[in-house]
């Protein structure tokens, strides 16, 4: 029995180290010119497989607590994702970030006089033991330090050039810290969509079809919505007339593709429309658009107060609808390089009070300017 526990422990250490290396490289070694050199296909495929097993254990409708930050579409804009984490706070503590930096860049931490004496007295095995203790100490301290928790509303891929990095960083952090990152499914996390809008081309050009399939298998187990403290429902698209109560989600069995019609299609495709009252077929060719009366009926039926969704480009990064019963959040600034939109991050505190942080990159054309990120004040 002891031997089995030791084997499991050693396996867990190896997996943890594997995931830590991926996070460290993406945080401190990634650049536009080195994006092909950091990982091999087997590493990314293994990460997708392990993350899939973890995410699959979560319900299709998440039940979350505040405080939490909510982000909308990212669409492969990896350098902007890094910039928004820099601005709003990482899902890592300062101690953890420093640990990743030192271990990724092989920076030697300056020793104090007492540490130097201890090092001179110790042999090599003792030095290794001391290093292990310092890592454990880092983990214990980091539990007391502040870090942000995030809910992402989907559309991690397509349009932008670095969709793989966006997904890879988020699922890697999710693997190490499952309660700091939550990921919902957007309409672009579907083979029928992302094979046309850039993700298939990105993965197969850089790696191969097998890795593309690994990402699709991961997408097929992502949750579709989240309810924060029984008050705020979050999804990528919009509300569904067919959703009568939250217990309906038990009938859906993952893995699954996004269907053409029904509750899951609406949660990933629907849009609000101020010109109508109830529901109307969408010009997107999928799901419906809905008006203020439909929204109020939906919230009353489910005993909820507010909807937070993404799915649409909005100039300021956020846009309220129907007297703030709904807000659209979009987190891909300068979308597709053709829009001058701002990105937004929505914060929800313990008392469910909402504030919004806006992000405007200083350099609009950032092909080879990763390190120049602009931070703007919250509003």
Protein backbone atom coordinates (compact mmCIF):
# COMPACT_ATOMS: atom_id res chain seq x y z
CA UNK A 1 0.00 0.00 0.00
CA UNK A 2 2.82 2.38 0.92
CA UNK A 3 4.54 1.62 -2.38
CA UNK A 4 1.34 2.43 -4.31
CA UNK A 5 0.98 5.74 -2.46
CA UNK A 6 4.60 6.57 -3.27
CA UNK A 7 4.07 5.78 -6.97
CA UNK A 8 0.96 7.97 -7.07
CA UNK A 9 2.81 10.77 -5.31
CA UNK A 10 5.74 10.56 -7.73
CA UNK A 11 3.37 10.55 -10.71
CA UNK A 12 1.59 13.61 -9.36
CA UNK A 13 4.91 15.40 -8.92
CA UNK A 14 5.86 14.64 -12.51
CA UNK A 15 2.53 15.92 -13.83
CA UNK A 16 2.77 19.02 -11.68
CA UNK A 17 6.28 19.72 -12.93
CA UNK A 18 5.16 19.15 -16.52
CA UNK A 19 2.32 21.68 -16.15
CA UNK A 20 4.52 24.17 -14.31
CA UNK A 21 7.03 24.16 -17.18
CA UNK A 22 4.26 24.90 -19.68
CA UNK A 23 2.98 27.85 -17.64
CA UNK A 24 6.48 29.22 -17.09
CA UNK A 25 7.35 29.11 -20.77
CA UNK A 26 4.14 30.86 -21.80
CA UNK A 27 4.61 33.54 -19.16
CA UNK A 28 8.30 34.27 -19.59
CA UNK A 29 9.66 32.72 -22.81
CA UNK A 30 6.82 33.15 -25.30
CA UNK A 31 7.18 35.65 -28.13
CA UNK A 32 5.66 36.01 -31.58
CA UNK A 33 8.85 34.71 -33.19
CA UNK A 34 9.30 31.74 -30.80
CA UNK A 35 5.73 30.44 -30.74
CA UNK A 36 6.71 27.31 -32.70
CA UNK A 37 9.68 26.40 -30.52
CA UNK A 38 8.31 26.07 -26.99
CA UNK A 39 6.34 22.81 -27.14
CA UNK A 40 6.10 19.63 -29.15
CA UNK A 41 2.75 18.18 -30.24
CA UNK A 42 2.94 15.34 -27.70
CA UNK A 43 3.21 17.78 -24.78
CA UNK A 44 0.18 19.78 -25.88
CA UNK A 45 -1.83 16.63 -26.58
CA UNK A 46 -1.08 15.29 -23.09
CA UNK A 47 -2.09 18.60 -21.50
CA UNK A 48 -5.39 18.61 -23.43
CA UNK A 49 -6.11 15.05 -22.34
CA UNK A 50 -5.39 15.70 -18.66
CA UNK A 51 -7.33 18.99 -18.63
CA UNK A 52 -10.25 17.28 -20.35
CA UNK A 53 -10.49 14.70 -17.57
CA UNK A 54 -10.48 17.46 -14.94
CA UNK A 55 -13.04 19.70 -16.65
CA UNK A 56 -15.30 16.75 -17.38
CA UNK A 57 -15.78 16.29 -13.62
CA UNK A 58 -17.38 19.75 -13.40
CA UNK A 59 -21.15 20.11 -14.00
CA UNK A 60 -22.45 21.50 -17.27
CA UNK A 61 -23.87 24.42 -15.26
CA UNK A 62 -21.28 25.64 -12.75
CA UNK A 63 -22.24 26.95 -9.30
CA UNK A 64 -19.68 29.60 -8.33
CA UNK A 65 -19.06 32.00 -5.46
CA UNK A 66 -17.94 35.63 -5.53
CA UNK A 67 -15.55 37.39 -5.64
CA UNK A 68 -14.71 36.51 -9.22
CA UNK A 69 -13.70 38.26 -12.45
CA UNK A 70 -15.49 37.59 -15.74
CA UNK A 71 -13.92 37.88 -19.19
CA UNK A 72 -15.52 37.62 -22.62
CA UNK A 73 -14.18 36.65 -26.04
CA UNK A 74 -10.38 36.41 -26.37
CA UNK A 75 -10.18 35.06 -29.94
CA UNK A 76 -6.53 34.09 -30.04
CA UNK A 77 -5.18 37.48 -28.88
CA UNK A 78 -2.68 35.96 -26.49
CA UNK A 79 -0.54 39.03 -25.89
CA UNK A 80 -3.70 40.92 -24.90
CA UNK A 81 -4.65 38.13 -22.48
CA UNK A 82 -1.24 38.53 -20.82
CA UNK A 83 -1.73 42.29 -20.74
CA UNK A 84 -5.14 41.97 -19.09
CA UNK A 85 -3.73 39.62 -16.45
CA UNK A 86 -0.97 42.18 -15.82
CA UNK A 87 -3.59 44.91 -15.45
CA UNK A 88 -6.29 43.18 -13.41
CA UNK A 89 -4.24 40.60 -11.57
CA UNK A 90 -3.13 37.07 -12.34
CA UNK A 91 -4.80 33.91 -11.06
CA UNK A 92 -1.44 33.44 -9.33
CA UNK A 93 0.07 35.07 -6.26
CA UNK A 94 3.14 37.28 -6.47
CA UNK A 95 5.18 34.52 -4.82
CA UNK A 96 4.00 31.99 -7.40
CA UNK A 97 4.74 34.36 -10.28
CA UNK A 98 8.24 34.95 -8.93
CA UNK A 99 8.76 31.20 -8.56
CA UNK A 100 7.73 30.61 -12.18
CA UNK A 101 10.07 33.38 -13.31
CA UNK A 102 13.08 32.12 -11.38
CA UNK A 103 12.61 28.49 -12.41
CA UNK A 104 11.82 29.26 -16.07
CA UNK A 105 14.63 31.76 -16.63
CA UNK A 106 16.99 29.92 -14.25
CA UNK A 107 17.50 32.98 -12.09
CA UNK A 108 19.52 32.33 -8.96
CA UNK A 109 17.98 33.98 -5.92
CA UNK A 110 20.50 36.01 -3.86
CA UNK A 111 21.39 34.22 -0.62
CA UNK A 112 21.44 35.82 2.80
CA UNK A 113 24.50 35.38 5.02
CA UNK A 114 22.79 32.68 7.09
CA UNK A 115 21.83 30.78 3.93
CA UNK A 116 25.41 31.04 2.64
CA UNK A 117 26.77 29.51 5.87
CA UNK A 118 24.19 26.73 5.69
CA UNK A 119 25.10 26.03 2.06
CA UNK A 120 28.81 25.81 2.89
CA UNK A 121 28.13 23.28 5.65
CA UNK A 122 25.69 21.12 3.66
CA UNK A 123 26.57 18.47 1.12
CA UNK A 124 24.75 18.19 -2.24
CA UNK A 125 21.89 16.04 -0.87
CA UNK A 126 21.34 18.59 1.85
CA UNK A 127 21.24 21.39 -0.69
CA UNK A 128 18.57 19.54 -2.63
CA UNK A 129 16.53 19.07 0.55
CA UNK A 130 16.81 22.79 1.32
CA UNK A 131 15.57 23.66 -2.19
CA UNK A 132 12.59 21.35 -1.75
CA UNK A 133 11.72 23.01 1.56
CA UNK A 134 11.84 26.44 -0.07
CA UNK A 135 9.34 25.32 -2.71
CA UNK A 136 7.00 23.96 -0.03
CA UNK A 137 7.35 27.24 1.82
CA UNK A 138 6.43 29.10 -1.36
CA UNK A 139 3.23 27.06 -1.67
CA UNK A 140 2.28 27.66 1.98
CA UNK A 141 2.87 31.42 1.72
CA UNK A 142 1.02 31.67 -1.58
CA UNK A 143 -2.14 30.26 0.00
CA UNK A 144 -2.33 33.37 2.19
CA UNK A 145 -1.52 35.83 -0.61
CA UNK A 146 -4.08 37.36 -2.91
CA UNK A 147 -4.83 36.01 -6.34
CA UNK A 148 -7.71 36.60 -8.74
CA UNK A 149 -10.33 34.03 -9.74
CA UNK A 150 -11.64 34.09 -13.31
CA UNK A 151 -14.65 32.90 -15.24
CA UNK A 152 -14.11 32.92 -19.03
CA UNK A 153 -17.20 33.02 -21.23
CA UNK A 154 -15.79 31.19 -24.25
CA UNK A 155 -14.51 31.98 -27.75
CA UNK A 156 -10.85 31.44 -26.93
CA UNK A 157 -10.02 30.53 -30.53
CA UNK A 158 -10.30 31.78 -34.13
CA UNK A 159 -9.67 35.19 -35.70
CA UNK A 160 -6.43 35.87 -33.77
CA UNK A 161 -3.11 34.17 -34.49
CA UNK A 162 -2.39 32.58 -31.11
CA UNK A 163 -5.47 30.61 -30.15
CA UNK A 164 -3.38 27.65 -29.07
CA UNK A 165 -1.49 29.73 -26.53
CA UNK A 166 -4.72 31.17 -25.10
CA UNK A 167 -6.27 27.74 -24.52
CA UNK A 168 -2.99 26.18 -23.36
CA UNK A 169 -2.25 28.78 -20.70
CA UNK A 170 -5.78 28.72 -19.30
CA UNK A 171 -6.05 24.94 -19.07
CA UNK A 172 -2.54 24.68 -17.61
CA UNK A 173 -3.39 27.12 -14.81
CA UNK A 174 -6.68 25.25 -14.39
CA UNK A 175 -4.73 22.02 -13.93
CA UNK A 176 -2.61 23.46 -11.11
CA UNK A 177 -5.31 25.61 -9.49
CA UNK A 178 -8.78 24.26 -10.40
CA UNK A 179 -10.68 26.82 -8.31
CA UNK A 180 -8.99 29.87 -9.88
CA UNK A 181 -9.96 29.38 -13.54
CA UNK A 182 -13.36 28.36 -14.91
CA UNK A 183 -13.99 28.04 -18.64
CA UNK A 184 -17.34 28.06 -20.43
CA UNK A 185 -17.93 27.02 -24.02
CA UNK A 186 -18.44 29.57 -26.77
CA UNK A 187 -19.84 29.00 -30.24
CA UNK A 188 -16.28 28.94 -31.64
CA UNK A 189 -15.38 25.96 -29.42
CA UNK A 190 -17.03 23.80 -32.05
CA UNK A 191 -15.44 21.91 -34.93
CA UNK A 192 -18.10 23.13 -37.40
CA UNK A 193 -17.11 26.76 -36.66
CA UNK A 194 -13.39 26.76 -35.86
CA UNK A 195 -12.51 24.68 -38.91
CA UNK A 196 -13.48 27.76 -40.97
CA UNK A 197 -12.33 30.77 -38.92
CA UNK A 198 -8.67 30.13 -38.24
CA UNK A 199 -8.12 27.55 -35.51
CA UNK A 200 -7.89 24.50 -37.78
CA UNK A 201 -5.45 26.34 -40.03
CA UNK A 202 -3.35 27.46 -37.03
CA UNK A 203 -3.05 24.03 -35.41
CA UNK A 204 -2.47 22.03 -38.61
CA UNK A 205 0.08 24.52 -39.95
CA UNK A 206 2.05 24.53 -36.71
CA UNK A 207 1.51 20.88 -35.75
CA UNK A 208 -0.97 18.37 -37.20
CA UNK A 209 -4.57 17.16 -37.48
CA UNK A 210 -4.24 14.84 -34.47
CA UNK A 211 -3.52 17.76 -32.15
CA UNK A 212 -6.46 19.69 -33.60
CA UNK A 213 -8.66 16.71 -32.70
CA UNK A 214 -7.27 16.75 -29.14
CA UNK A 215 -8.39 20.35 -28.71
CA UNK A 216 -11.85 19.50 -30.08
CA UNK A 217 -12.16 16.63 -27.59
CA UNK A 218 -11.37 19.12 -24.83
CA UNK A 219 -13.96 21.62 -26.10
CA UNK A 220 -16.63 18.91 -26.16
CA UNK A 221 -16.64 18.67 -22.35
CA UNK A 222 -16.61 22.38 -21.46
CA UNK A 223 -19.51 23.65 -19.29
CA UNK A 224 -22.13 25.86 -20.97
CA UNK A 225 -23.11 28.28 -18.20
CA UNK A 226 -22.42 29.32 -14.62
CA UNK A 227 -24.57 30.72 -11.81
CA UNK A 228 -22.83 32.99 -9.30
CA UNK A 229 -24.30 32.86 -5.79
CA UNK A 230 -27.75 31.91 -7.07
CA UNK A 231 -28.17 35.42 -8.51
CA UNK A 232 -26.20 35.97 -11.72
CA UNK A 233 -26.21 33.60 -14.69
CA UNK A 234 -23.32 33.70 -17.14
CA UNK A 235 -23.04 32.20 -20.61
CA UNK A 236 -21.40 32.94 -23.93
CA UNK A 237 -24.48 33.68 -26.04
CA UNK A 238 -27.79 34.38 -24.40
CA UNK A 239 -30.97 33.16 -22.75
CA UNK A 240 -33.18 30.31 -23.92
CA UNK A 241 -36.96 30.21 -23.93
CA UNK A 242 -36.69 26.43 -23.52
CA UNK A 243 -34.72 26.64 -20.26
CA UNK A 244 -37.40 26.26 -17.57
CA UNK A 245 -35.18 25.35 -14.62
CA UNK A 246 -31.52 24.65 -13.99
CA UNK A 247 -32.16 20.95 -13.31
CA UNK A 248 -32.68 20.46 -17.06
CA UNK A 249 -28.92 20.30 -17.55
CA UNK A 250 -28.80 16.80 -16.07
CA UNK A 251 -30.25 15.39 -19.30
CA UNK A 252 -27.21 16.46 -21.35
CA UNK A 253 -24.36 13.98 -21.49
CA UNK A 254 -20.86 15.08 -22.46
CA UNK A 255 -18.82 14.86 -24.61
CA UNK A 256 -21.11 16.55 -27.12
CA UNK A 257 -21.06 18.90 -30.08
CA UNK A 258 -23.08 22.11 -29.90
CA UNK A 259 -26.50 21.23 -31.36
CA UNK A 260 -28.22 23.28 -34.05
CA UNK A 261 -31.26 24.09 -31.91
CA UNK A 262 -32.32 24.00 -28.28
CA UNK A 263 -31.03 25.21 -24.93
CA UNK A 264 -27.31 24.64 -25.60
CA UNK A 265 -27.51 26.32 -28.99
CA UNK A 266 -29.17 29.37 -27.39
CA UNK A 267 -26.60 29.55 -24.59
CA UNK A 268 -23.81 29.78 -27.17
CA UNK A 269 -25.49 31.74 -30.00
CA UNK A 270 -28.37 34.00 -28.83
CA UNK A 271 -28.15 37.83 -28.75
CA UNK A 272 -30.17 40.62 -27.09
CA UNK A 273 -32.07 43.00 -29.40
CA UNK A 274 -33.49 46.31 -28.14
CA UNK A 275 -35.93 46.53 -31.07
CA UNK A 276 -38.05 43.51 -30.07
CA UNK A 277 -39.87 42.38 -26.92
CA UNK A 278 -39.79 38.58 -27.03
CA UNK A 279 -37.95 36.25 -29.43
CA UNK A 280 -37.15 36.38 -33.13
CA UNK A 281 -34.96 34.17 -35.41
CA UNK A 282 -31.38 35.44 -35.52
CA UNK A 283 -29.70 36.79 -38.64
CA UNK A 284 -26.69 34.66 -37.64
CA UNK A 285 -28.63 31.63 -38.86
CA UNK A 286 -28.51 30.00 -35.43
CA UNK A 287 -30.69 30.44 -32.34
CA UNK A 288 -32.69 33.62 -31.67
CA UNK A 289 -32.46 37.24 -30.67
CA UNK A 290 -34.42 38.23 -27.57
CA UNK A 291 -35.91 41.42 -26.19
CA UNK A 292 -36.36 42.99 -22.76
CA UNK A 293 -39.67 41.28 -22.02
CA UNK A 294 -38.19 37.86 -22.78
CA UNK A 295 -35.20 38.64 -20.55
CA UNK A 296 -37.40 39.65 -17.61
CA UNK A 297 -39.52 36.53 -17.96
CA UNK A 298 -36.38 34.39 -18.06
CA UNK A 299 -34.91 35.95 -14.90
CA UNK A 300 -38.20 35.71 -13.01
CA UNK A 301 -38.72 32.07 -14.03
CA UNK A 302 -35.26 31.07 -12.75
CA UNK A 303 -35.32 33.46 -9.76
CA UNK A 304 -32.19 35.28 -10.95
CA UNK A 305 -31.19 38.94 -10.99
CA UNK A 306 -28.84 39.40 -13.94
CA UNK A 307 -27.29 37.91 -17.08
CA UNK A 308 -23.62 38.30 -18.01
CA UNK A 309 -22.74 37.22 -21.55
CA UNK A 310 -20.20 37.81 -24.36
CA UNK A 311 -20.46 36.95 -28.08
CA UNK A 312 -20.72 40.48 -29.53
CA UNK A 313 -18.11 43.18 -30.20
CA UNK A 314 -18.97 46.29 -28.18
CA UNK A 315 -16.98 49.49 -28.57
CA UNK A 316 -16.26 50.13 -24.88
CA UNK A 317 -15.71 46.46 -24.03
CA UNK A 318 -19.01 46.32 -22.15
CA UNK A 319 -22.62 47.28 -22.86
CA UNK A 320 -25.69 47.14 -20.63
CA UNK A 321 -29.16 46.08 -21.77
CA UNK A 322 -32.63 46.54 -20.26
CA UNK A 323 -31.76 48.74 -17.28
CA UNK A 324 -28.64 46.71 -16.43
CA UNK A 325 -30.42 43.37 -16.21
CA UNK A 326 -27.91 42.14 -18.78
CA UNK A 327 -24.35 43.13 -19.64
CA UNK A 328 -22.24 42.10 -22.64
CA UNK A 329 -18.51 41.73 -21.99
CA UNK A 330 -15.96 41.58 -24.82
CA UNK A 331 -12.27 41.08 -24.01
CA UNK A 332 -10.50 41.15 -27.38
CA UNK A 333 -9.30 44.75 -28.01
CA UNK A 334 -8.79 45.99 -31.55
CA UNK A 335 -10.72 42.92 -32.66
CA UNK A 336 -9.36 41.33 -35.85
CA UNK A 337 -7.10 44.37 -36.28
CA UNK A 338 -10.02 46.16 -37.90
CA UNK A 339 -11.95 47.50 -34.90
CA UNK A 340 -10.95 50.21 -32.44
CA UNK A 341 -12.83 48.60 -29.57
CA UNK A 342 -11.69 48.50 -25.97
CA UNK A 343 -11.57 45.27 -23.95
CA UNK A 344 -13.26 44.85 -20.57
CA UNK A 345 -13.00 42.69 -17.47
CA UNK A 346 -15.99 42.56 -15.14
CA UNK A 347 -15.37 42.23 -11.41
CA UNK A 348 -17.93 40.88 -8.95
CA UNK A 349 -17.17 41.37 -5.26
CA UNK A 350 -18.44 39.37 -2.28
CA UNK A 351 -21.59 41.50 -2.06
CA UNK A 352 -22.27 41.00 -5.81
CA UNK A 353 -21.36 44.60 -6.57
CA UNK A 354 -20.06 45.00 -10.10
CA UNK A 355 -17.16 47.09 -11.38
CA UNK A 356 -15.48 47.11 -14.78
CA UNK A 357 -11.81 47.32 -15.72
CA UNK A 358 -11.07 48.49 -19.27
CA UNK A 359 -7.95 47.61 -21.24
CA UNK A 360 -6.60 49.64 -24.16
CA UNK A 361 -3.31 48.47 -25.69
CA UNK A 362 -0.99 51.38 -26.42
CA UNK A 363 0.39 49.73 -29.56
CA UNK A 364 -2.45 48.76 -31.90
CA UNK A 365 -0.15 46.90 -34.31
CA UNK A 366 1.76 44.57 -31.96
CA UNK A 367 3.14 41.89 -34.28
CA UNK A 368 6.59 41.94 -32.70
CA UNK A 369 5.97 44.19 -29.70
CA UNK A 370 4.78 41.72 -27.05
CA UNK A 371 6.41 43.51 -24.14
CA UNK A 372 4.68 46.85 -24.73
CA UNK A 373 1.37 46.57 -22.92
CA UNK A 374 -0.78 49.50 -21.90
CA UNK A 375 -2.60 49.55 -18.60
CA UNK A 376 -5.62 51.79 -18.12
CA UNK A 377 -7.49 52.73 -14.91
CA UNK A 378 -10.60 50.82 -13.94
CA UNK A 379 -14.02 52.32 -14.41
